[in-house]
Amino acid sequence: MLNRRTLTLAGLLAGTGGAARAMGGVWVCHEVPPYVWQGERGVEGFAFRLYEQVARQAGLAVQLQFVPFARALRMLEAGHAEAALVFTRAPEREARFRWLFPVGRFRFAVFTLPGAGPAPSTIAQLKGLRVGSLRASVGRGWLEQAGIAGVVEGKDYAELLALLRRGIVDAVVGPEAVLRSTEARDGGVGLRVTLMDNGFDFYAAAGPAMPEATVARVRAAYQQLVDAGVVAQLRKAHPEALAPG
């Protein structure tokens, strides 16, 4: 699996007049199926299709780079990337980032091996277990706030599920749809799933390097797509990315 990939939308924008097209910056993303992932046919998922449409509508020639999430967050905060494509919106992030457009909704879930004792049904029941979580994620902070000490960090969800199957962790916490999709892609079956109460939205988020004028341009482009019915069509085609939470 590729750890890093750069995609340029210049070709997609070739039909846009030069006066309407503007150079955009680097956007970063990690593997988050079913929202965005690198498949055999190239990049797929609702978030990527929406990103294509928004970039085209805004007339921006932007680059999308796939990197592990913790690196994507560092790039965004340091100004080496202008935006992140699939980024959890949470109260502790409101003052640090500007939210461009929604790309999905999810609920946190706990994945465990069948036959490994009672499945935890509350966060408190994770205490004393070795729990896998995505490095630098909202879920990682959520576990820390709950007083879960035995957290093992992973660079992506595929790595975390591999740790679970090998018995290195007792449970993995993350977005339900992402963990289910990752497990299916890797050929695994039979993991137990316990849904948590926490529902969150994935957004495209701008960091400090994105000019305010570009933020306004992207937001306006998204709203134009909503008004034209394009976003509704994409949502209908990708119901797996919009699970209620």
C-alpha atoms as a PDB file:
ATOM      1  CA  MET A   1       0.000   0.000   0.000  1.00  0.00           C
ATOM      2  CA  LEU A   2       1.273   3.443  -0.853  1.00  0.00           C
ATOM      3  CA  ASN A   3       2.001   5.704   2.125  1.00  0.00           C
ATOM      4  CA  ARG A   4       2.112   8.855   0.056  1.00  0.00           C
ATOM      5  CA  ARG A   5       0.555   9.891  -3.204  1.00  0.00           C
ATOM      6  CA  THR A   6       0.086  13.247  -4.874  1.00  0.00           C
ATOM      7  CA  LEU A   7      -2.833  13.988  -7.177  1.00  0.00           C
ATOM      8  CA  THR A   8      -3.177  17.143  -9.227  1.00  0.00           C
ATOM      9  CA  LEU A   9      -6.543  18.414 -10.404  1.00  0.00           C
ATOM     10  CA  ALA A  10      -5.022  20.458 -13.228  1.00  0.00           C
ATOM     11  CA  GLY A  11      -6.234  17.895 -15.749  1.00  0.00           C
ATOM     12  CA  LEU A  12      -9.715  17.965 -14.294  1.00  0.00           C
ATOM     13  CA  LEU A  13      -9.680  21.729 -14.609  1.00  0.00           C
ATOM     14  CA  ALA A  14      -8.399  21.802 -18.168  1.00  0.00           C
ATOM     15  CA  GLY A  15     -11.812  22.808 -19.426  1.00  0.00           C
ATOM     16  CA  THR A  16     -11.991  25.808 -17.111  1.00  0.00           C
ATOM     17  CA  GLY A  17     -11.027  29.149 -18.561  1.00  0.00           C
ATOM     18  CA  GLY A  18      -7.637  30.453 -17.501  1.00  0.00           C
ATOM     19  CA  ALA A  19      -9.129  33.585 -16.017  1.00  0.00           C
ATOM     20  CA  ALA A  20     -11.348  31.513 -13.725  1.00  0.00           C
ATOM     21  CA  ARG A  21      -8.662  29.060 -12.639  1.00  0.00           C
ATOM     22  CA  ALA A  22      -6.382  29.858  -9.685  1.00  0.00           C
ATOM     23  CA  MET A  23      -3.476  27.958  -8.205  1.00  0.00           C
ATOM     24  CA  GLY A  24      -4.378  26.291  -4.919  1.00  0.00           C
ATOM     25  CA  GLY A  25      -2.093  24.758  -2.334  1.00  0.00           C
ATOM     26  CA  VAL A  26      -1.462  21.264  -1.049  1.00  0.00           C
ATOM     27  CA  TRP A  27      -4.281  19.355   0.618  1.00  0.00           C
ATOM     28  CA  VAL A  28      -3.473  16.312   2.762  1.00  0.00           C
ATOM     29  CA  CYS A  29      -5.403  13.135   3.434  1.00  0.00           C
ATOM     30  CA  HIS A  30      -4.949   9.683   4.949  1.00  0.00           C
ATOM     31  CA  GLU A  31      -6.610   6.387   4.068  1.00  0.00           C
ATOM     32  CA  VAL A  32     -10.161   6.653   5.433  1.00  0.00           C
ATOM     33  CA  PRO A  33     -12.374   4.162   3.594  1.00  0.00           C
ATOM     34  CA  PRO A  34     -15.234   4.420   2.702  1.00  0.00           C
ATOM     35  CA  TYR A  35     -14.790   8.214   2.657  1.00  0.00           C
ATOM     36  CA  VAL A  36     -11.548   8.286   0.657  1.00  0.00           C
ATOM     37  CA  TRP A  37      -9.018   5.599  -0.203  1.00  0.00           C
ATOM     38  CA  GLN A  38      -6.591   4.473  -2.899  1.00  0.00           C
ATOM     39  CA  GLY A  39      -8.084   1.535  -4.755  1.00  0.00           C
ATOM     40  CA  GLU A  40      -7.234  -0.446  -7.869  1.00  0.00           C
ATOM     41  CA  ARG A  41      -9.046   2.144 -10.007  1.00  0.00           C
ATOM     42  CA  GLY A  42      -7.350   5.103  -8.340  1.00  0.00           C
ATOM     43  CA  VAL A  43      -8.674   7.289  -5.568  1.00  0.00           C
ATOM     44  CA  GLU A  44     -12.266   6.527  -4.595  1.00  0.00           C
ATOM     45  CA  GLY A  45     -14.916   7.556  -2.074  1.00  0.00           C
ATOM     46  CA  PHE A  46     -17.512  10.242  -1.390  1.00  0.00           C
ATOM     47  CA  ALA A  47     -15.014  12.711   0.098  1.00  0.00           C
ATOM     48  CA  PHE A  48     -12.753  12.513  -2.948  1.00  0.00           C
ATOM     49  CA  ARG A  49     -15.624  12.902  -5.440  1.00  0.00           C
ATOM     50  CA  LEU A  50     -16.877  15.928  -3.539  1.00  0.00           C
ATOM     51  CA  TYR A  51     -13.340  17.359  -3.379  1.00  0.00           C
ATOM     52  CA  GLU A  52     -13.086  17.035  -7.162  1.00  0.00           C
ATOM     53  CA  GLN A  53     -16.366  18.852  -7.685  1.00  0.00           C
ATOM     54  CA  VAL A  54     -15.583  21.654  -5.224  1.00  0.00           C
ATOM     55  CA  ALA A  55     -12.122  22.243  -6.694  1.00  0.00           C
ATOM     56  CA  ARG A  56     -13.573  22.393 -10.183  1.00  0.00           C
ATOM     57  CA  GLN A  57     -16.397  24.718  -9.115  1.00  0.00           C
ATOM     58  CA  ALA A  58     -13.959  27.006  -7.253  1.00  0.00           C
ATOM     59  CA  GLY A  59     -11.511  26.977 -10.168  1.00  0.00           C
ATOM     60  CA  LEU A  60      -8.625  25.815  -7.977  1.00  0.00           C
ATOM     61  CA  ALA A  61      -5.745  23.651  -9.205  1.00  0.00           C
ATOM     62  CA  VAL A  62      -4.921  21.861  -5.955  1.00  0.00           C
ATOM     63  CA  GLN A  63      -2.756  18.884  -5.026  1.00  0.00           C
ATOM     64  CA  LEU A  64      -3.916  16.054  -2.766  1.00  0.00           C
ATOM     65  CA  GLN A  65      -1.214  14.165  -0.862  1.00  0.00           C
ATOM     66  CA  PHE A  66      -1.821  10.891   0.982  1.00  0.00           C
ATOM     67  CA  VAL A  67       0.210  10.663   4.204  1.00  0.00           C
ATOM     68  CA  PRO A  68      -0.377   9.036   7.628  1.00  0.00           C
ATOM     69  CA  PHE A  69      -2.805  11.045   9.747  1.00  0.00           C
ATOM     70  CA  ALA A  70      -0.355  12.292  12.381  1.00  0.00           C
ATOM     71  CA  ARG A  71       1.905  13.658   9.609  1.00  0.00           C
ATOM     72  CA  ALA A  72      -1.083  15.235   7.865  1.00  0.00           C
ATOM     73  CA  LEU A  73      -1.996  17.027  11.089  1.00  0.00           C
ATOM     74  CA  ARG A  74       1.580  18.297  11.529  1.00  0.00           C
ATOM     75  CA  MET A  75       1.671  19.530   7.934  1.00  0.00           C
ATOM     76  CA  LEU A  76      -1.635  21.336   8.392  1.00  0.00           C
ATOM     77  CA  GLU A  77      -0.650  23.001  11.663  1.00  0.00           C
ATOM     78  CA  ALA A  78       2.819  23.978  10.391  1.00  0.00           C
ATOM     79  CA  GLY A  79       1.463  25.547   7.209  1.00  0.00           C
ATOM     80  CA  HIS A  80       3.009  22.951   4.870  1.00  0.00           C
ATOM     81  CA  ALA A  81      -0.509  22.072   3.705  1.00  0.00           C
ATOM     82  CA  GLU A  82      -3.464  24.392   3.244  1.00  0.00           C
ATOM     83  CA  ALA A  83      -6.213  21.921   4.079  1.00  0.00           C
ATOM     84  CA  ALA A  84      -7.026  18.391   5.176  1.00  0.00           C
ATOM     85  CA  LEU A  85      -9.720  16.526   3.257  1.00  0.00           C
ATOM     86  CA  VAL A  86     -11.140  14.152   5.906  1.00  0.00           C
ATOM     87  CA  PHE A  87     -10.786  15.705   9.338  1.00  0.00           C
ATOM     88  CA  THR A  88     -12.910  15.115  12.436  1.00  0.00           C
ATOM     89  CA  ARG A  89     -14.746  18.206  13.625  1.00  0.00           C
ATOM     90  CA  ALA A  90     -14.661  18.350  17.420  1.00  0.00           C
ATOM     91  CA  PRO A  91     -15.050  21.113  20.045  1.00  0.00           C
ATOM     92  CA  GLU A  92     -11.343  21.167  20.881  1.00  0.00           C
ATOM     93  CA  ARG A  93     -10.524  21.905  17.232  1.00  0.00           C
ATOM     94  CA  GLU A  94     -13.024  24.710  16.610  1.00  0.00           C
ATOM     95  CA  ALA A  95     -10.602  27.565  17.317  1.00  0.00           C
ATOM     96  CA  ARG A  96      -7.660  26.008  15.442  1.00  0.00           C
ATOM     97  CA  PHE A  97      -9.175  25.279  12.025  1.00  0.00           C
ATOM     98  CA  ARG A  98     -11.707  26.673   9.566  1.00  0.00           C
ATOM     99  CA  TRP A  99     -14.337  24.237   8.340  1.00  0.00           C
ATOM    100  CA  LEU A 100     -14.815  24.209   4.574  1.00  0.00           C
ATOM    101  CA  PHE A 101     -17.479  21.574   3.834  1.00  0.00           C
ATOM    102  CA  PRO A 102     -18.745  18.300   5.357  1.00  0.00           C
ATOM    103  CA  VAL A 103     -17.567  15.015   3.841  1.00  0.00           C
ATOM    104  CA  GLY A 104     -19.211  12.419   6.092  1.00  0.00           C
ATOM    105  CA  ARG A 105     -20.595  11.440   9.468  1.00  0.00           C
ATOM    106  CA  PHE A 106     -19.634   8.567  11.763  1.00  0.00           C
ATOM    107  CA  ARG A 107     -20.011   6.990  15.165  1.00  0.00           C
ATOM    108  CA  PHE A 108     -17.144   5.679  17.228  1.00  0.00           C
ATOM    109  CA  ALA A 109     -17.101   1.929  17.769  1.00  0.00           C
ATOM    110  CA  VAL A 110     -15.052  -0.615  19.690  1.00  0.00           C
ATOM    111  CA  PHE A 111     -13.848  -3.632  17.702  1.00  0.00           C
ATOM    112  CA  THR A 112     -12.825  -6.790  19.568  1.00  0.00           C
ATOM    113  CA  LEU A 113     -12.086 -10.411  18.705  1.00  0.00           C
ATOM    114  CA  PRO A 114     -14.935 -12.912  19.116  1.00  0.00           C
ATOM    115  CA  GLY A 115     -14.522 -15.177  22.117  1.00  0.00           C
ATOM    116  CA  ALA A 116     -12.223 -12.764  23.939  1.00  0.00           C
ATOM    117  CA  GLY A 117     -14.520 -12.294  26.920  1.00  0.00           C
ATOM    118  CA  PRO A 118     -17.479  -9.921  27.273  1.00  0.00           C
ATOM    119  CA  ALA A 119     -17.546  -7.167  24.668  1.00  0.00           C
ATOM    120  CA  PRO A 120     -17.070  -3.748  26.301  1.00  0.00           C
ATOM    121  CA  SER A 121     -20.272  -1.746  26.120  1.00  0.00           C
ATOM    122  CA  THR A 122     -19.016   1.417  27.840  1.00  0.00           C
ATOM    123  CA  ILE A 123     -15.792   3.405  27.840  1.00  0.00           C
ATOM    124  CA  ALA A 124     -15.270   2.535  31.498  1.00  0.00           C
ATOM    125  CA  GLN A 125     -15.080  -1.143  30.542  1.00  0.00           C
ATOM    126  CA  LEU A 126     -12.018  -0.416  28.407  1.00  0.00           C
ATOM    127  CA  LYS A 127      -9.981   0.341  31.513  1.00  0.00           C
ATOM    128  CA  GLY A 128      -7.380  -2.333  32.052  1.00  0.00           C
ATOM    129  CA  LEU A 129      -7.421  -3.344  28.376  1.00  0.00           C
ATOM    130  CA  ARG A 130      -4.836  -2.639  25.694  1.00  0.00           C
ATOM    131  CA  VAL A 131      -6.705  -0.343  23.318  1.00  0.00           C
ATOM    132  CA  GLY A 132      -5.556   0.568  19.806  1.00  0.00           C
ATOM    133  CA  SER A 133      -6.199   4.106  18.563  1.00  0.00           C
ATOM    134  CA  LEU A 134      -5.121   6.249  15.617  1.00  0.00           C
ATOM    135  CA  ARG A 135      -2.151   8.422  16.541  1.00  0.00           C
ATOM    136  CA  ALA A 136      -3.035  12.122  17.151  1.00  0.00           C
ATOM    137  CA  SER A 137      -6.737  11.511  16.465  1.00  0.00           C
ATOM    138  CA  VAL A 138      -9.820  12.776  18.284  1.00  0.00           C
ATOM    139  CA  GLY A 139     -10.415   9.197  19.412  1.00  0.00           C
ATOM    140  CA  ARG A 140      -6.978   9.136  21.039  1.00  0.00           C
ATOM    141  CA  GLY A 141      -7.799  12.258  23.024  1.00  0.00           C
ATOM    142  CA  TRP A 142     -11.202  10.851  23.890  1.00  0.00           C
ATOM    143  CA  LEU A 143      -9.563   7.755  25.456  1.00  0.00           C
ATOM    144  CA  GLU A 144      -7.103   9.905  27.377  1.00  0.00           C
ATOM    145  CA  GLN A 145      -9.922  12.007  28.809  1.00  0.00           C
ATOM    146  CA  ALA A 146     -11.695   8.830  29.884  1.00  0.00           C
ATOM    147  CA  GLY A 147      -8.603   7.721  31.811  1.00  0.00           C
ATOM    148  CA  ILE A 148      -7.728   4.779  29.559  1.00  0.00           C
ATOM    149  CA  ALA A 149      -4.030   4.202  30.228  1.00  0.00           C
ATOM    150  CA  GLY A 150      -3.241   1.179  28.066  1.00  0.00           C
ATOM    151  CA  VAL A 151      -3.448   2.871  24.653  1.00  0.00           C
ATOM    152  CA  VAL A 152      -1.358   1.570  21.748  1.00  0.00           C
ATOM    153  CA  GLU A 153      -1.113   4.056  18.879  1.00  0.00           C
ATOM    154  CA  GLY A 154      -1.120   3.129  15.200  1.00  0.00           C
ATOM    155  CA  LYS A 155      -0.372   5.126  12.066  1.00  0.00           C
ATOM    156  CA  ASP A 156      -3.534   3.933  10.297  1.00  0.00           C
ATOM    157  CA  TYR A 157      -6.555   1.719  10.851  1.00  0.00           C
ATOM    158  CA  ALA A 158      -5.150  -1.194   8.861  1.00  0.00           C
ATOM    159  CA  GLU A 159      -2.199  -1.335  11.257  1.00  0.00           C
ATOM    160  CA  LEU A 160      -4.513  -1.178  14.283  1.00  0.00           C
ATOM    161  CA  LEU A 161      -6.683  -4.051  13.063  1.00  0.00           C
ATOM    162  CA  ALA A 162      -3.555  -6.104  12.378  1.00  0.00           C
ATOM    163  CA  LEU A 163      -2.487  -5.522  15.994  1.00  0.00           C
ATOM    164  CA  LEU A 164      -5.912  -6.711  17.144  1.00  0.00           C
ATOM    165  CA  ARG A 165      -5.770  -9.898  15.063  1.00  0.00           C
ATOM    166  CA  ARG A 166      -2.279 -10.634  16.421  1.00  0.00           C
ATOM    167  CA  GLY A 167      -3.418 -10.183  20.017  1.00  0.00           C
ATOM    168  CA  ILE A 168      -1.167  -7.191  20.691  1.00  0.00           C
ATOM    169  CA  VAL A 169      -4.208  -5.099  21.609  1.00  0.00           C
ATOM    170  CA  ASP A 170      -7.498  -6.233  23.109  1.00  0.00           C
ATOM    171  CA  ALA A 171      -9.677  -3.682  21.324  1.00  0.00           C
ATOM    172  CA  VAL A 172      -9.529  -1.000  18.649  1.00  0.00           C
ATOM    173  CA  VAL A 173     -11.491   2.248  18.854  1.00  0.00           C
ATOM    174  CA  GLY A 174     -12.306   4.291  15.765  1.00  0.00           C
ATOM    175  CA  PRO A 175     -15.002   5.323  13.285  1.00  0.00           C
ATOM    176  CA  GLU A 176     -17.308   2.354  12.727  1.00  0.00           C
ATOM    177  CA  ALA A 177     -17.565   2.685   8.936  1.00  0.00           C
ATOM    178  CA  VAL A 178     -13.798   3.127   8.543  1.00  0.00           C
ATOM    179  CA  LEU A 179     -12.939   0.074  10.624  1.00  0.00           C
ATOM    180  CA  ARG A 180     -15.583  -2.063   8.898  1.00  0.00           C
ATOM    181  CA  SER A 181     -14.409  -1.004   5.447  1.00  0.00           C
ATOM    182  CA  THR A 182     -10.733  -1.496   6.313  1.00  0.00           C
ATOM    183  CA  GLU A 183     -11.418  -4.956   7.726  1.00  0.00           C
ATOM    184  CA  ALA A 184     -13.396  -5.953   4.621  1.00  0.00           C
ATOM    185  CA  ARG A 185     -10.631  -4.738   2.288  1.00  0.00           C
ATOM    186  CA  ASP A 186      -8.055  -6.769   4.224  1.00  0.00           C
ATOM    187  CA  GLY A 187     -10.187  -9.905   3.988  1.00  0.00           C
ATOM    188  CA  GLY A 188     -10.937 -10.175   7.691  1.00  0.00           C
ATOM    189  CA  VAL A 189     -14.297 -11.286   9.084  1.00  0.00           C
ATOM    190  CA  GLY A 190     -16.003 -11.898  12.380  1.00  0.00           C
ATOM    191  CA  LEU A 191     -14.878  -9.025  14.594  1.00  0.00           C
ATOM    192  CA  ARG A 192     -17.323  -7.923  17.257  1.00  0.00           C
ATOM    193  CA  VAL A 193     -18.540  -4.341  17.007  1.00  0.00           C
ATOM    194  CA  THR A 194     -19.901  -2.205  19.845  1.00  0.00           C
ATOM    195  CA  LEU A 195     -21.203   1.235  18.914  1.00  0.00           C
ATOM    196  CA  MET A 196     -20.484   4.164  21.208  1.00  0.00           C
ATOM    197  CA  ASP A 197     -22.735   7.189  21.725  1.00  0.00           C
ATOM    198  CA  ASN A 198     -20.261   9.653  20.233  1.00  0.00           C
ATOM    199  CA  GLY A 199     -21.275  10.907  16.777  1.00  0.00           C
ATOM    200  CA  PHE A 200     -18.968  13.205  14.809  1.00  0.00           C
ATOM    201  CA  ASP A 201     -18.725  14.807  11.380  1.00  0.00           C
ATOM    202  CA  PHE A 202     -15.831  14.569   8.965  1.00  0.00           C
ATOM    203  CA  TYR A 203     -15.016  17.866   7.269  1.00  0.00           C
ATOM    204  CA  ALA A 204     -12.554  19.347   4.849  1.00  0.00           C
ATOM    205  CA  ALA A 205     -10.672  21.733   7.134  1.00  0.00           C
ATOM    206  CA  ALA A 206      -8.401  24.689   6.372  1.00  0.00           C
ATOM    207  CA  GLY A 207      -5.236  25.356   8.325  1.00  0.00           C
ATOM    208  CA  PRO A 208      -3.466  28.684   8.895  1.00  0.00           C
ATOM    209  CA  ALA A 209      -1.764  28.629   5.482  1.00  0.00           C
ATOM    210  CA  MET A 210      -4.982  28.920   3.481  1.00  0.00           C
ATOM    211  CA  PRO A 211      -5.790  32.561   2.628  1.00  0.00           C
ATOM    212  CA  GLU A 212      -9.156  33.784   3.841  1.00  0.00           C
ATOM    213  CA  ALA A 213     -10.128  34.577   0.258  1.00  0.00           C
ATOM    214  CA  THR A 214      -9.568  30.930  -0.696  1.00  0.00           C
ATOM    215  CA  VAL A 215     -11.601  29.752   2.300  1.00  0.00           C
ATOM    216  CA  ALA A 216     -14.497  31.931   1.115  1.00  0.00           C
ATOM    217  CA  ARG A 217     -14.062  30.701  -2.457  1.00  0.00           C
ATOM    218  CA  VAL A 218     -14.195  27.038  -1.437  1.00  0.00           C
ATOM    219  CA  ARG A 219     -17.191  27.525   0.845  1.00  0.00           C
ATOM    220  CA  ALA A 220     -19.057  29.393  -1.887  1.00  0.00           C
ATOM    221  CA  ALA A 221     -18.266  26.657  -4.406  1.00  0.00           C
ATOM    222  CA  TYR A 222     -19.634  24.000  -2.062  1.00  0.00           C
ATOM    223  CA  GLN A 223     -22.841  25.972  -1.502  1.00  0.00           C
ATOM    224  CA  GLN A 224     -23.272  26.364  -5.254  1.00  0.00           C
ATOM    225  CA  LEU A 225     -23.008  22.582  -5.618  1.00  0.00           C
ATOM    226  CA  VAL A 226     -25.597  22.126  -2.865  1.00  0.00           C
ATOM    227  CA  ASP A 227     -27.971  24.524  -4.592  1.00  0.00           C
ATOM    228  CA  ALA A 228     -27.470  22.752  -7.928  1.00  0.00           C
ATOM    229  CA  GLY A 229     -28.276  19.336  -6.435  1.00  0.00           C
ATOM    230  CA  VAL A 230     -24.802  17.919  -7.097  1.00  0.00           C
ATOM    231  CA  VAL A 231     -24.069  17.197  -3.426  1.00  0.00           C
ATOM    232  CA  ALA A 232     -27.396  15.392  -3.017  1.00  0.00           C
ATOM    233  CA  GLN A 233     -26.575  13.203  -6.009  1.00  0.00           C
ATOM    234  CA  LEU A 234     -23.173  12.313  -4.561  1.00  0.00           C
ATOM    235  CA  ARG A 235     -24.706  11.508  -1.190  1.00  0.00           C
ATOM    236  CA  LYS A 236     -27.241   9.223  -2.819  1.00  0.00           C
ATOM    237  CA  ALA A 237     -24.435   7.396  -4.601  1.00  0.00           C
ATOM    238  CA  HIS A 238     -22.385   7.002  -1.381  1.00  0.00           C
ATOM    239  CA  PRO A 239     -24.792   6.253   1.517  1.00  0.00           C
ATOM    240  CA  GLU A 240     -22.045   4.408   3.404  1.00  0.00           C
ATOM    241  CA  ALA A 241     -20.273   7.726   4.098  1.00  0.00           C
ATOM    242  CA  LEU A 242     -23.272   9.300   5.788  1.00  0.00           C
ATOM    243  CA  ALA A 243     -24.171   6.933   8.610  1.00  0.00           C
ATOM    244  CA  PRO A 244     -26.305   8.561  11.321  1.00  0.00           C
ATOM    245  CA  GLY A 245     -24.550   9.379  14.541  1.00  0.00           C
END
